[in-house]
Amino acid sequence: MSHLQCFSDMCASFCSGSQKCRRRHCSLEEYVREKTHCIDVILIEVHMPYVDSLQFLQHVTNETNVPVIMMSLDDAQSTVMKAIRNGACNYWLKPLQESLIKVMWMEYARKLESKYATKKRRF
């Protein structure tokens, strides 16, 4: 089973959806721009064949408020730091652990709860 399929299965087990996007660079940026309103988090592989993931990361962090998590088998400190310096909110090592997915969704749920509580106070 691929890491991507494993992640999708874990998201489904937490009643969350995931969308796989295997588009090339320019289309990927356009996809994110079009779908920003319905994207909660982006999980992207550090070493992708047709995409400069760091350039994509910079684009997403400059153009949107969508958090980006980088993932890889590469645990070199220089790679991790490059991702963080370029705007990644986290760096996950493969194989992905179910606990990472749980923590990510708990953080997201807290943010949503806080966002809705703030909106209620305004009215």
Foldseek 3Di string as FASTA:
>chain_A
DDLVVVLQVLCVVVVHHDDDDDDAAVVVLVVCVVCVVPAQAAEEECDDDRYNVLVSLLSDVVPHPHAYEYEECDPDPVSQVSNVVSHHPYYYYPPDDSVVVVVVVVVSVVVVVVVVVVVVVVD
